Amino acid sequence: MLTVHHLNNSRSQRILWLLEELNVPYQVKKYERTPQLTAPKELLEINSLGKSPVITDGDVNLAESGAIVEYVIEKYGNGKATPPESGKLDNLYFSHYAEGSFMPVLVQKLIFDIVPQRSPFYIRPFASMIFGQLNKQLVQPEITKHVALIEAHLAKSKSIFFAGGDEPTSADYQMVFPLEALTDGAPDRLGPKIKEYVKTIHDRPAYKRALEKGGEYAYAKL
């Protein structure tokens, strides 16, 4: 049986959602973040980088959520999660955009928020001022551009999903996590279409089953 090595509050939640949508039998091995919010060393026994998600499927040991999504859909999709012909290019683009362009900006924001908090108390005011300005001048304008791009695409999509079809595709499985992270970290930045999108995903029965399997998930909002 396929095993998902699942780290709490991580990208592996979207793998559980994918497997539930496709009705793939699987089991979950759970790992908890350390007090520093990093993955535990036990994950190093599964993947040399110690990251999640990782799946084991027979002799296959595979990391990187984008690769896992493609692997699972190709092997277990049985025709599901296939974009319509008119949406293939959008599906390709947003499947790679999620981690290639969008998430790095959100990770940068997270780092700029965390560094002042973890600085020694005597330099914390200076760190807060410096990283606050970096966030304001470098990160926030980029987030604004990304939100506008996503909002405009969802507004013109033929359906609620990124590829414009009747069911989620790889683009949705990839995009849901950064949009959830944005919902958690900068809810005031959300446009109406993004809010509708996240709520629609969270209302899906398969998504709710994935939450039950994965346990507490900080980004299951809206």
N, C-alpha and C. Protein backbone atom coordinates (compact mmCIF):
# COMPACT_ATOMS: atom_id res chain seq x y z
N MET A 1 0.84 -1.20 0.00
CA MET A 1 0.00 0.00 0.00
C MET A 1 0.88 1.26 0.00
N LEU A 2 0.44 2.26 -0.71
CA LEU A 2 1.16 3.53 -0.77
C LEU A 2 1.17 4.18 0.61
N THR A 3 2.32 4.69 1.00
CA THR A 3 2.47 5.37 2.29
C THR A 3 2.84 6.82 2.07
N VAL A 4 2.14 7.71 2.75
CA VAL A 4 2.48 9.14 2.74
C VAL A 4 3.17 9.47 4.05
N HIS A 5 4.39 9.97 3.94
CA HIS A 5 5.12 10.42 5.13
C HIS A 5 4.72 11.88 5.33
N HIS A 6 3.84 12.07 6.29
CA HIS A 6 3.08 13.32 6.41
C HIS A 6 3.57 14.16 7.57
N LEU A 7 4.05 15.36 7.27
CA LEU A 7 4.47 16.32 8.27
C LEU A 7 3.34 17.31 8.53
N ASN A 8 3.04 17.56 9.78
CA ASN A 8 1.94 18.47 10.09
C ASN A 8 2.19 19.86 9.52
N ASN A 9 1.13 20.51 9.10
CA ASN A 9 1.18 21.88 8.55
C ASN A 9 2.20 22.00 7.41
N SER A 10 2.10 21.08 6.47
CA SER A 10 3.06 21.09 5.37
C SER A 10 2.36 20.80 4.04
N ARG A 11 3.15 20.81 2.98
CA ARG A 11 2.65 20.54 1.64
C ARG A 11 2.09 19.13 1.50
N SER A 12 2.42 18.23 2.41
CA SER A 12 1.93 16.86 2.27
C SER A 12 0.42 16.76 2.43
N GLN A 13 -0.21 17.80 3.02
CA GLN A 13 -1.67 17.77 3.14
C GLN A 13 -2.33 17.70 1.77
N ARG A 14 -1.75 18.36 0.76
CA ARG A 14 -2.36 18.34 -0.56
C ARG A 14 -2.24 16.97 -1.22
N ILE A 15 -1.22 16.19 -0.81
CA ILE A 15 -1.09 14.83 -1.34
C ILE A 15 -2.21 13.95 -0.78
N LEU A 16 -2.54 14.15 0.47
CA LEU A 16 -3.67 13.40 1.06
C LEU A 16 -4.96 13.75 0.34
N TRP A 17 -5.15 15.04 0.04
CA TRP A 17 -6.36 15.46 -0.69
C TRP A 17 -6.41 14.79 -2.06
N LEU A 18 -5.29 14.79 -2.77
CA LEU A 18 -5.24 14.15 -4.09
C LEU A 18 -5.62 12.68 -4.00
N LEU A 19 -5.05 11.97 -3.05
CA LEU A 19 -5.33 10.54 -2.92
C LEU A 19 -6.79 10.28 -2.58
N GLU A 20 -7.37 11.15 -1.76
CA GLU A 20 -8.79 11.00 -1.44
C GLU A 20 -9.66 11.27 -2.66
N GLU A 21 -9.32 12.26 -3.46
CA GLU A 21 -10.09 12.55 -4.67
C GLU A 21 -10.05 11.38 -5.64
N LEU A 22 -8.91 10.71 -5.72
CA LEU A 22 -8.75 9.61 -6.67
C LEU A 22 -9.12 8.26 -6.07
N ASN A 23 -9.50 8.25 -4.79
CA ASN A 23 -9.88 7.00 -4.10
C ASN A 23 -8.75 5.98 -4.13
N VAL A 24 -7.53 6.44 -3.89
CA VAL A 24 -6.38 5.55 -3.85
C VAL A 24 -6.18 5.05 -2.42
N PRO A 25 -6.10 3.74 -2.21
CA PRO A 25 -5.81 3.25 -0.85
C PRO A 25 -4.41 3.70 -0.42
N TYR A 26 -4.29 4.17 0.80
CA TYR A 26 -3.00 4.61 1.29
C TYR A 26 -3.00 4.60 2.81
N GLN A 27 -1.82 4.70 3.36
CA GLN A 27 -1.69 4.85 4.80
C GLN A 27 -0.83 6.08 5.09
N VAL A 28 -1.01 6.63 6.27
CA VAL A 28 -0.31 7.85 6.65
C VAL A 28 0.65 7.54 7.79
N LYS A 29 1.91 7.95 7.63
CA LYS A 29 2.86 7.91 8.73
C LYS A 29 3.12 9.35 9.12
N LYS A 30 2.77 9.72 10.35
CA LYS A 30 2.79 11.12 10.76
C LYS A 30 4.11 11.49 11.44
N TYR A 31 4.52 12.73 11.16
CA TYR A 31 5.70 13.32 11.78
C TYR A 31 5.32 14.70 12.30
N GLU A 32 5.87 15.08 13.43
CA GLU A 32 5.55 16.37 14.03
C GLU A 32 6.75 17.31 13.93
N ARG A 33 6.48 18.57 13.66
CA ARG A 33 7.54 19.56 13.59
C ARG A 33 8.19 19.76 14.96
N THR A 34 9.44 20.16 14.94
CA THR A 34 10.15 20.47 16.17
C THR A 34 9.68 21.83 16.69
N PRO A 35 10.07 22.21 17.91
CA PRO A 35 9.71 23.55 18.40
C PRO A 35 10.21 24.68 17.50
N GLN A 36 11.25 24.41 16.71
CA GLN A 36 11.76 25.40 15.77
C GLN A 36 11.02 25.36 14.43
N LEU A 37 9.96 24.55 14.37
CA LEU A 37 9.10 24.40 13.20
C LEU A 37 9.75 23.65 12.06
N THR A 38 10.90 23.03 12.29
CA THR A 38 11.55 22.23 11.26
C THR A 38 11.07 20.79 11.33
N ALA A 39 11.37 20.03 10.27
CA ALA A 39 10.98 18.62 10.25
C ALA A 39 11.85 17.82 11.20
N PRO A 40 11.34 16.76 11.81
CA PRO A 40 12.14 15.95 12.73
C PRO A 40 13.19 15.13 11.99
N LYS A 41 14.22 14.73 12.69
CA LYS A 41 15.33 14.00 12.06
C LYS A 41 14.88 12.64 11.52
N GLU A 42 13.76 12.12 12.04
CA GLU A 42 13.29 10.82 11.56
C GLU A 42 12.99 10.83 10.06
N LEU A 43 12.65 11.99 9.53
CA LEU A 43 12.38 12.07 8.09
C LEU A 43 13.64 11.87 7.26
N LEU A 44 14.81 12.09 7.86
CA LEU A 44 16.06 11.83 7.15
C LEU A 44 16.22 10.36 6.81
N GLU A 45 15.58 9.50 7.57
CA GLU A 45 15.64 8.07 7.28
C GLU A 45 14.83 7.71 6.04
N ILE A 46 13.90 8.58 5.67
CA ILE A 46 13.04 8.34 4.51
C ILE A 46 13.57 9.08 3.29
N ASN A 47 14.05 10.29 3.50
CA ASN A 47 14.56 11.12 2.41
C ASN A 47 15.80 11.85 2.92
N SER A 48 16.85 11.88 2.11
CA SER A 48 18.13 12.41 2.57
C SER A 48 18.07 13.90 2.91
N LEU A 49 17.06 14.62 2.37
CA LEU A 49 16.91 16.04 2.71
C LEU A 49 16.04 16.24 3.94
N GLY A 50 15.37 15.18 4.38
CA GLY A 50 14.53 15.28 5.56
C GLY A 50 13.31 16.14 5.37
N LYS A 51 12.77 16.16 4.15
CA LYS A 51 11.63 17.01 3.84
C LYS A 51 10.36 16.18 3.66
N SER A 52 9.23 16.86 3.68
CA SER A 52 7.94 16.23 3.42
C SER A 52 7.19 17.11 2.43
N PRO A 53 6.41 16.54 1.50
CA PRO A 53 5.98 15.15 1.48
C PRO A 53 6.99 14.20 0.83
N VAL A 54 6.89 12.97 1.27
CA VAL A 54 7.56 11.84 0.64
C VAL A 54 6.55 10.71 0.60
N ILE A 55 6.56 9.96 -0.49
CA ILE A 55 5.73 8.76 -0.54
C ILE A 55 6.62 7.55 -0.80
N THR A 56 6.19 6.41 -0.27
CA THR A 56 6.77 5.14 -0.67
C THR A 56 5.64 4.32 -1.27
N ASP A 57 5.93 3.74 -2.42
CA ASP A 57 4.93 2.96 -3.15
C ASP A 57 5.65 1.77 -3.75
N GLY A 58 5.66 0.66 -3.02
CA GLY A 58 6.47 -0.47 -3.44
C GLY A 58 7.94 -0.09 -3.36
N ASP A 59 8.64 -0.22 -4.48
CA ASP A 59 10.06 0.12 -4.53
C ASP A 59 10.30 1.61 -4.78
N VAL A 60 9.23 2.36 -4.98
CA VAL A 60 9.35 3.79 -5.28
C VAL A 60 9.43 4.59 -3.99
N ASN A 61 10.42 5.45 -3.92
CA ASN A 61 10.53 6.43 -2.83
C ASN A 61 10.66 7.79 -3.51
N LEU A 62 9.64 8.63 -3.35
CA LEU A 62 9.57 9.85 -4.15
C LEU A 62 9.25 11.05 -3.28
N ALA A 63 10.04 12.11 -3.43
CA ALA A 63 9.80 13.38 -2.75
C ALA A 63 9.40 14.42 -3.79
N GLU A 64 9.21 15.66 -3.31
CA GLU A 64 8.77 16.80 -4.11
C GLU A 64 7.30 16.65 -4.49
N SER A 65 6.48 17.54 -3.96
CA SER A 65 5.04 17.41 -4.13
C SER A 65 4.62 17.46 -5.59
N GLY A 66 5.30 18.29 -6.41
CA GLY A 66 4.95 18.33 -7.83
C GLY A 66 5.18 16.99 -8.50
N ALA A 67 6.32 16.36 -8.21
CA ALA A 67 6.62 15.06 -8.78
C ALA A 67 5.63 14.01 -8.27
N ILE A 68 5.28 14.09 -6.99
CA ILE A 68 4.34 13.13 -6.41
C ILE A 68 2.97 13.27 -7.07
N VAL A 69 2.51 14.51 -7.24
CA VAL A 69 1.21 14.75 -7.87
C VAL A 69 1.19 14.14 -9.26
N GLU A 70 2.22 14.39 -10.06
CA GLU A 70 2.27 13.84 -11.41
C GLU A 70 2.31 12.31 -11.39
N TYR A 71 3.11 11.75 -10.50
CA TYR A 71 3.23 10.29 -10.40
C TYR A 71 1.90 9.65 -10.04
N VAL A 72 1.24 10.20 -9.02
CA VAL A 72 -0.03 9.61 -8.56
C VAL A 72 -1.10 9.72 -9.64
N ILE A 73 -1.21 10.87 -10.29
CA ILE A 73 -2.23 11.04 -11.32
C ILE A 73 -1.96 10.08 -12.49
N GLU A 74 -0.70 9.97 -12.89
CA GLU A 74 -0.38 9.08 -14.01
C GLU A 74 -0.64 7.62 -13.68
N LYS A 75 -0.29 7.20 -12.45
CA LYS A 75 -0.43 5.79 -12.10
C LYS A 75 -1.82 5.42 -11.65
N TYR A 76 -2.49 6.32 -10.92
CA TYR A 76 -3.75 5.96 -10.27
C TYR A 76 -4.94 6.80 -10.74
N GLY A 77 -4.72 7.72 -11.65
CA GLY A 77 -5.80 8.64 -12.01
C GLY A 77 -6.96 8.02 -12.75
N ASN A 78 -6.70 7.00 -13.58
CA ASN A 78 -7.76 6.36 -14.35
C ASN A 78 -8.64 7.38 -15.08
N GLY A 79 -7.98 8.38 -15.66
CA GLY A 79 -8.72 9.39 -16.43
C GLY A 79 -9.17 10.59 -15.62
N LYS A 80 -9.09 10.51 -14.30
CA LYS A 80 -9.48 11.65 -13.48
C LYS A 80 -8.32 12.65 -13.40
N ALA A 81 -8.63 13.85 -12.98
CA ALA A 81 -7.63 14.93 -12.84
C ALA A 81 -7.00 15.30 -14.17
N THR A 82 -7.71 15.02 -15.25
CA THR A 82 -7.23 15.36 -16.59
C THR A 82 -7.84 16.68 -17.03
N PRO A 83 -7.02 17.65 -17.39
CA PRO A 83 -7.58 18.94 -17.80
C PRO A 83 -8.27 18.85 -19.15
N PRO A 84 -9.28 19.68 -19.41
CA PRO A 84 -9.86 19.73 -20.75
C PRO A 84 -8.82 20.25 -21.74
N GLU A 85 -9.03 19.98 -23.00
CA GLU A 85 -8.08 20.41 -24.02
C GLU A 85 -7.82 21.91 -23.93
N SER A 86 -8.88 22.66 -23.68
CA SER A 86 -8.75 24.13 -23.62
C SER A 86 -7.97 24.60 -22.40
N GLY A 87 -7.81 23.74 -21.41
CA GLY A 87 -7.15 24.15 -20.17
C GLY A 87 -5.79 23.52 -19.95
N LYS A 88 -5.27 22.79 -20.94
CA LYS A 88 -4.01 22.08 -20.74
C LYS A 88 -2.84 23.03 -20.48
N LEU A 89 -2.79 24.13 -21.20
CA LEU A 89 -1.69 25.08 -21.00
C LEU A 89 -1.78 25.75 -19.63
N ASP A 90 -3.01 26.12 -19.21
CA ASP A 90 -3.18 26.69 -17.88
C ASP A 90 -2.80 25.69 -16.81
N ASN A 91 -3.16 24.43 -17.02
CA ASN A 91 -2.81 23.40 -16.04
C ASN A 91 -1.30 23.24 -15.94
N LEU A 92 -0.63 23.22 -17.08
CA LEU A 92 0.82 23.10 -17.09
C LEU A 92 1.47 24.29 -16.38
N TYR A 93 1.00 25.48 -16.71
CA TYR A 93 1.59 26.70 -16.15
C TYR A 93 1.43 26.75 -14.63
N PHE A 94 0.20 26.61 -14.14
CA PHE A 94 -0.03 26.78 -12.71
C PHE A 94 0.51 25.60 -11.89
N SER A 95 0.66 24.43 -12.51
CA SER A 95 1.28 23.31 -11.81
C SER A 95 2.72 23.64 -11.44
N HIS A 96 3.41 24.41 -12.30
CA HIS A 96 4.80 24.76 -12.05
C HIS A 96 4.95 26.14 -11.40
N TYR A 97 4.03 27.03 -11.70
CA TYR A 97 4.06 28.38 -11.12
C TYR A 97 3.95 28.33 -9.60
N ALA A 98 3.17 27.39 -9.08
CA ALA A 98 2.89 27.34 -7.63
C ALA A 98 4.18 27.32 -6.82
N GLU A 99 5.10 26.44 -7.18
CA GLU A 99 6.36 26.32 -6.43
C GLU A 99 7.49 27.12 -7.08
N GLY A 100 7.40 27.33 -8.39
CA GLY A 100 8.49 28.01 -9.07
C GLY A 100 8.50 29.51 -8.87
N SER A 101 7.33 30.14 -8.78
CA SER A 101 7.25 31.60 -8.68
C SER A 101 6.53 32.09 -7.43
N PHE A 102 5.42 31.45 -7.08
CA PHE A 102 4.56 31.97 -6.03
C PHE A 102 5.09 31.66 -4.63
N MET A 103 5.38 30.39 -4.36
CA MET A 103 5.82 30.01 -3.01
C MET A 103 7.12 30.68 -2.58
N PRO A 104 8.11 30.89 -3.45
CA PRO A 104 9.33 31.58 -2.98
C PRO A 104 9.05 32.96 -2.38
N VAL A 105 8.08 33.67 -2.93
CA VAL A 105 7.73 34.99 -2.37
C VAL A 105 7.12 34.83 -0.99
N LEU A 106 6.25 33.85 -0.82
CA LEU A 106 5.61 33.63 0.47
C LEU A 106 6.62 33.14 1.51
N VAL A 107 7.57 32.32 1.07
CA VAL A 107 8.61 31.86 1.99
C VAL A 107 9.49 33.03 2.41
N GLN A 108 9.79 33.91 1.48
CA GLN A 108 10.56 35.10 1.81
C GLN A 108 9.85 35.94 2.86
N LYS A 109 8.54 36.10 2.69
CA LYS A 109 7.76 36.85 3.69
C LYS A 109 7.84 36.17 5.05
N LEU A 110 7.73 34.85 5.06
CA LEU A 110 7.80 34.10 6.32
C LEU A 110 9.14 34.32 7.00
N ILE A 111 10.22 34.26 6.23
CA ILE A 111 11.55 34.46 6.79
C ILE A 111 11.70 35.86 7.37
N PHE A 112 11.23 36.85 6.62
CA PHE A 112 11.33 38.23 7.09
C PHE A 112 10.50 38.45 8.35
N ASP A 113 9.42 37.69 8.51
CA ASP A 113 8.61 37.79 9.73
C ASP A 113 9.27 37.08 10.91
N ILE A 114 9.94 35.96 10.63
CA ILE A 114 10.49 35.13 11.70
C ILE A 114 11.80 35.67 12.25
N VAL A 115 12.66 36.18 11.38
CA VAL A 115 14.00 36.60 11.81
C VAL A 115 13.96 37.58 12.98
N PRO A 116 13.15 38.65 12.93
CA PRO A 116 13.12 39.56 14.09
C PRO A 116 12.65 38.87 15.37
N GLN A 117 11.69 37.96 15.23
CA GLN A 117 11.16 37.27 16.41
C GLN A 117 12.22 36.40 17.08
N ARG A 118 13.14 35.86 16.28
CA ARG A 118 14.14 34.94 16.81
C ARG A 118 15.50 35.61 17.04
N SER A 119 15.57 36.89 16.82
CA SER A 119 16.81 37.62 17.07
C SER A 119 17.01 37.82 18.57
N PRO A 120 18.25 37.97 19.02
CA PRO A 120 18.49 38.32 20.44
C PRO A 120 17.72 39.59 20.81
N PHE A 121 17.22 39.64 22.02
CA PHE A 121 16.29 40.71 22.40
C PHE A 121 16.90 42.09 22.23
N TYR A 122 18.24 42.21 22.39
CA TYR A 122 18.85 43.53 22.35
C TYR A 122 18.99 44.08 20.92
N ILE A 123 18.85 43.21 19.91
CA ILE A 123 18.87 43.73 18.53
C ILE A 123 17.51 43.58 17.84
N ARG A 124 16.55 43.05 18.61
CA ARG A 124 15.24 42.79 18.00
C ARG A 124 14.59 44.04 17.43
N PRO A 125 14.65 45.20 18.12
CA PRO A 125 14.03 46.40 17.53
C PRO A 125 14.65 46.79 16.19
N PHE A 126 15.98 46.64 16.08
CA PHE A 126 16.65 46.98 14.83
C PHE A 126 16.31 45.96 13.74
N ALA A 127 16.28 44.68 14.12
CA ALA A 127 15.93 43.65 13.15
C ALA A 127 14.51 43.83 12.66
N SER A 128 13.61 44.19 13.56
CA SER A 128 12.21 44.42 13.17
C SER A 128 12.11 45.57 12.19
N MET A 129 12.88 46.64 12.44
CA MET A 129 12.85 47.79 11.55
C MET A 129 13.41 47.44 10.18
N ILE A 130 14.55 46.74 10.16
CA ILE A 130 15.21 46.41 8.89
C ILE A 130 14.37 45.45 8.07
N PHE A 131 13.94 44.36 8.70
CA PHE A 131 13.19 43.36 7.95
C PHE A 131 11.77 43.84 7.63
N GLY A 132 11.26 44.74 8.46
CA GLY A 132 9.96 45.34 8.14
C GLY A 132 10.03 46.16 6.87
N GLN A 133 11.12 46.91 6.72
CA GLN A 133 11.30 47.70 5.50
C GLN A 133 11.54 46.82 4.29
N LEU A 134 12.33 45.76 4.47
CA LEU A 134 12.56 44.82 3.36
C LEU A 134 11.25 44.18 2.92
N ASN A 135 10.45 43.82 3.91
CA ASN A 135 9.16 43.22 3.61
C ASN A 135 8.27 44.20 2.84
N LYS A 136 8.26 45.44 3.31
CA LYS A 136 7.41 46.46 2.70
C LYS A 136 7.86 46.80 1.28
N GLN A 137 9.17 46.90 1.07
CA GLN A 137 9.68 47.37 -0.21
C GLN A 137 9.88 46.25 -1.23
N LEU A 138 10.20 45.04 -0.76
CA LEU A 138 10.52 43.96 -1.68
C LEU A 138 9.43 42.90 -1.81
N VAL A 139 8.90 42.48 -0.66
CA VAL A 139 8.00 41.33 -0.68
C VAL A 139 6.55 41.72 -0.97
N GLN A 140 6.05 42.71 -0.26
CA GLN A 140 4.64 43.05 -0.42
C GLN A 140 4.26 43.45 -1.86
N PRO A 141 5.10 44.22 -2.57
CA PRO A 141 4.75 44.51 -3.97
C PRO A 141 4.67 43.26 -4.83
N GLU A 142 5.55 42.28 -4.55
CA GLU A 142 5.52 41.04 -5.31
C GLU A 142 4.24 40.25 -5.02
N ILE A 143 3.86 40.20 -3.74
CA ILE A 143 2.62 39.50 -3.38
C ILE A 143 1.43 40.14 -4.09
N THR A 144 1.41 41.46 -4.15
CA THR A 144 0.33 42.17 -4.83
C THR A 144 0.23 41.74 -6.30
N LYS A 145 1.37 41.62 -6.96
CA LYS A 145 1.38 41.21 -8.37
C LYS A 145 0.87 39.78 -8.53
N HIS A 146 1.31 38.90 -7.65
CA HIS A 146 0.88 37.50 -7.75
C HIS A 146 -0.62 37.36 -7.48
N VAL A 147 -1.11 38.05 -6.47
CA VAL A 147 -2.54 37.98 -6.16
C VAL A 147 -3.36 38.49 -7.34
N ALA A 148 -2.91 39.56 -7.98
CA ALA A 148 -3.64 40.10 -9.13
C ALA A 148 -3.67 39.09 -10.28
N LEU A 149 -2.53 38.42 -10.51
CA LEU A 149 -2.47 37.42 -11.58
C LEU A 149 -3.44 36.27 -11.31
N ILE A 150 -3.42 35.76 -10.08
CA ILE A 150 -4.28 34.62 -9.73
C ILE A 150 -5.74 35.01 -9.75
N GLU A 151 -6.06 36.16 -9.20
CA GLU A 151 -7.45 36.64 -9.17
C GLU A 151 -7.98 36.80 -10.59
N ALA A 152 -7.17 37.37 -11.48
CA ALA A 152 -7.60 37.57 -12.86
C ALA A 152 -7.83 36.24 -13.57
N HIS A 153 -6.96 35.28 -13.30
CA HIS A 153 -7.14 33.97 -13.95
C HIS A 153 -8.40 33.29 -13.47
N LEU A 154 -8.62 33.27 -12.17
CA LEU A 154 -9.82 32.61 -11.64
C LEU A 154 -11.09 33.32 -12.12
N ALA A 155 -11.01 34.62 -12.31
CA ALA A 155 -12.18 35.37 -12.77
C ALA A 155 -12.57 34.99 -14.19
N LYS A 156 -11.60 34.61 -15.01
CA LYS A 156 -11.91 34.26 -16.41
C LYS A 156 -11.99 32.76 -16.65
N SER A 157 -11.70 31.96 -15.62
CA SER A 157 -11.76 30.50 -15.78
C SER A 157 -13.19 30.05 -16.05
N LYS A 158 -13.32 29.00 -16.84
CA LYS A 158 -14.64 28.47 -17.18
C LYS A 158 -15.28 27.73 -16.02
N SER A 159 -14.52 27.46 -14.99
CA SER A 159 -15.04 26.82 -13.78
C SER A 159 -14.27 27.36 -12.59
N ILE A 160 -14.51 26.81 -11.42
CA ILE A 160 -13.81 27.25 -10.23
C ILE A 160 -12.36 26.80 -10.24
N PHE A 161 -12.02 25.82 -11.08
CA PHE A 161 -10.68 25.23 -11.07
C PHE A 161 -9.75 25.92 -12.06
N PHE A 162 -8.45 25.77 -11.82
CA PHE A 162 -7.47 26.50 -12.61
C PHE A 162 -7.45 26.10 -14.07
N ALA A 163 -7.73 24.85 -14.39
CA ALA A 163 -7.73 24.42 -15.78
C ALA A 163 -9.09 24.58 -16.45
N GLY A 164 -10.07 25.04 -15.70
CA GLY A 164 -11.38 25.32 -16.27
C GLY A 164 -12.25 24.11 -16.51
N GLY A 165 -11.91 22.97 -15.91
CA GLY A 165 -12.70 21.77 -16.09
C GLY A 165 -13.68 21.54 -14.96
N ASP A 166 -14.21 20.31 -14.93
CA ASP A 166 -15.23 19.97 -13.93
C ASP A 166 -14.65 19.41 -12.64
N GLU A 167 -13.35 19.16 -12.60
CA GLU A 167 -12.73 18.57 -11.42
C GLU A 167 -11.32 19.14 -11.25
N PRO A 168 -10.77 19.03 -10.05
CA PRO A 168 -9.41 19.54 -9.84
C PRO A 168 -8.39 18.76 -10.65
N THR A 169 -7.34 19.46 -11.05
CA THR A 169 -6.23 18.85 -11.78
C THR A 169 -4.94 19.15 -11.02
N SER A 170 -3.82 18.77 -11.59
CA SER A 170 -2.54 18.97 -10.89
C SER A 170 -2.33 20.43 -10.50
N ALA A 171 -2.82 21.37 -11.31
CA ALA A 171 -2.68 22.79 -10.98
C ALA A 171 -3.35 23.11 -9.65
N ASP A 172 -4.50 22.54 -9.41
CA ASP A 172 -5.23 22.80 -8.16
C ASP A 172 -4.52 22.17 -6.96
N TYR A 173 -4.02 20.95 -7.16
CA TYR A 173 -3.33 20.29 -6.05
C TYR A 173 -2.06 21.04 -5.69
N GLN A 174 -1.44 21.70 -6.68
CA GLN A 174 -0.25 22.48 -6.41
C GLN A 174 -0.57 23.87 -5.85
N MET A 175 -1.61 24.48 -6.36
CA MET A 175 -1.93 25.86 -5.98
C MET A 175 -2.60 25.98 -4.62
N VAL A 176 -3.24 24.94 -4.15
CA VAL A 176 -4.02 25.08 -2.93
C VAL A 176 -3.16 25.45 -1.74
N PHE A 177 -1.95 24.88 -1.63
CA PHE A 177 -1.14 25.17 -0.44
C PHE A 177 -0.68 26.62 -0.37
N PRO A 178 -0.09 27.20 -1.43
CA PRO A 178 0.28 28.61 -1.31
C PRO A 178 -0.91 29.53 -1.07
N LEU A 179 -2.08 29.20 -1.63
CA LEU A 179 -3.25 30.03 -1.38
C LEU A 179 -3.74 29.88 0.05
N GLU A 180 -3.60 28.69 0.62
CA GLU A 180 -3.92 28.51 2.03
C GLU A 180 -2.92 29.27 2.91
N ALA A 181 -1.65 29.23 2.53
CA ALA A 181 -0.64 29.97 3.29
C ALA A 181 -0.91 31.46 3.24
N LEU A 182 -1.33 31.95 2.08
CA LEU A 182 -1.67 33.37 1.94
C LEU A 182 -2.89 33.70 2.79
N THR A 183 -3.85 32.80 2.82
CA THR A 183 -5.04 32.98 3.64
C THR A 183 -4.67 33.12 5.11
N ASP A 184 -3.66 32.34 5.53
CA ASP A 184 -3.24 32.37 6.93
C ASP A 184 -2.38 33.59 7.23
N GLY A 185 -1.47 33.94 6.32
CA GLY A 185 -0.49 34.98 6.61
C GLY A 185 -0.87 36.38 6.19
N ALA A 186 -1.74 36.49 5.18
CA ALA A 186 -2.12 37.83 4.69
C ALA A 186 -3.55 37.80 4.17
N PRO A 187 -4.50 37.51 5.04
CA PRO A 187 -5.89 37.37 4.58
C PRO A 187 -6.46 38.63 3.93
N ASP A 188 -5.91 39.78 4.31
CA ASP A 188 -6.39 41.03 3.73
C ASP A 188 -6.03 41.16 2.26
N ARG A 189 -5.10 40.31 1.79
CA ARG A 189 -4.69 40.36 0.39
C ARG A 189 -5.60 39.56 -0.52
N LEU A 190 -6.48 38.76 0.02
CA LEU A 190 -7.29 37.85 -0.79
C LEU A 190 -8.36 38.60 -1.59
N GLY A 191 -8.46 38.27 -2.87
CA GLY A 191 -9.56 38.78 -3.67
C GLY A 191 -10.76 37.87 -3.55
N PRO A 192 -11.93 38.29 -4.03
CA PRO A 192 -13.15 37.48 -3.89
C PRO A 192 -13.06 36.13 -4.59
N LYS A 193 -12.40 36.07 -5.74
CA LYS A 193 -12.30 34.79 -6.45
C LYS A 193 -11.37 33.83 -5.73
N ILE A 194 -10.30 34.34 -5.14
CA ILE A 194 -9.41 33.48 -4.37
C ILE A 194 -10.12 32.95 -3.14
N LYS A 195 -10.88 33.81 -2.47
CA LYS A 195 -11.65 33.35 -1.31
C LYS A 195 -12.65 32.27 -1.70
N GLU A 196 -13.33 32.49 -2.81
CA GLU A 196 -14.31 31.49 -3.29
C GLU A 196 -13.61 30.19 -3.62
N TYR A 197 -12.44 30.28 -4.24
CA TYR A 197 -11.69 29.10 -4.63
C TYR A 197 -11.31 28.27 -3.40
N VAL A 198 -10.67 28.92 -2.42
CA VAL A 198 -10.22 28.20 -1.22
C VAL A 198 -11.40 27.58 -0.49
N LYS A 199 -12.49 28.32 -0.37
CA LYS A 199 -13.68 27.78 0.31
C LYS A 199 -14.24 26.58 -0.44
N THR A 200 -14.27 26.66 -1.77
CA THR A 200 -14.79 25.55 -2.57
C THR A 200 -13.95 24.29 -2.36
N ILE A 201 -12.64 24.45 -2.34
CA ILE A 201 -11.76 23.30 -2.11
C ILE A 201 -11.99 22.73 -0.72
N HIS A 202 -12.06 23.60 0.28
CA HIS A 202 -12.23 23.13 1.66
C HIS A 202 -13.59 22.47 1.88
N ASP A 203 -14.56 22.78 1.06
CA ASP A 203 -15.89 22.18 1.20
C ASP A 203 -16.01 20.83 0.51
N ARG A 204 -15.02 20.44 -0.26
CA ARG A 204 -15.10 19.16 -0.98
C ARG A 204 -15.00 18.00 0.02
N PRO A 205 -15.84 16.98 -0.13
CA PRO A 205 -15.80 15.84 0.79
C PRO A 205 -14.42 15.19 0.86
N ALA A 206 -13.74 15.09 -0.28
CA ALA A 206 -12.41 14.46 -0.29
C ALA A 206 -11.42 15.27 0.52
N TYR A 207 -11.53 16.59 0.47
CA TYR A 207 -10.64 17.44 1.25
C TYR A 207 -10.90 17.24 2.75
N LYS A 208 -12.16 17.15 3.11
CA LYS A 208 -12.49 16.95 4.52
C LYS A 208 -12.00 15.59 5.01
N ARG A 209 -12.08 14.57 4.17
CA ARG A 209 -11.55 13.26 4.55
C ARG A 209 -10.04 13.33 4.73
N ALA A 210 -9.37 14.09 3.86
CA ALA A 210 -7.92 14.24 3.97
C ALA A 210 -7.54 14.92 5.28
N LEU A 211 -8.33 15.87 5.72
CA LEU A 211 -8.07 16.52 7.01
C LEU A 211 -8.20 15.53 8.16
N GLU A 212 -9.19 14.66 8.07
CA GLU A 212 -9.36 13.65 9.11
C GLU A 212 -8.17 12.71 9.16
N LYS A 213 -7.67 12.35 7.99
CA LYS A 213 -6.53 11.42 7.94
C LYS A 213 -5.24 12.11 8.41
N GLY A 214 -5.06 13.37 8.04
CA GLY A 214 -3.81 14.05 8.33
C GLY A 214 -3.73 14.66 9.71
N GLY A 215 -4.86 14.93 10.33
CA GLY A 215 -4.85 15.56 11.65
C GLY A 215 -4.87 17.06 11.56
N GLU A 216 -4.60 17.72 12.65
CA GLU A 216 -4.70 19.18 12.74
C GLU A 216 -3.86 19.84 11.66
N TYR A 217 -4.49 20.84 11.02
CA TYR A 217 -3.84 21.54 9.89
C TYR A 217 -4.13 23.03 10.03
N ALA A 218 -3.10 23.81 10.24
CA ALA A 218 -3.27 25.22 10.59
C ALA A 218 -3.87 26.04 9.48
N TYR A 219 -3.78 25.56 8.23
CA TYR A 219 -4.20 26.39 7.10
C TYR A 219 -5.59 26.05 6.59
N ALA A 220 -6.31 25.20 7.28
CA ALA A 220 -7.66 24.84 6.84
C ALA A 220 -8.64 25.91 7.30
N LYS A 221 -8.56 27.07 6.65
CA LYS A 221 -9.41 28.20 7.00
C LYS A 221 -10.29 28.56 5.82
N LEU A 222 -11.20 29.51 6.07
CA LEU A 222 -12.24 29.87 5.11
C LEU A 222 -13.20 28.72 4.92
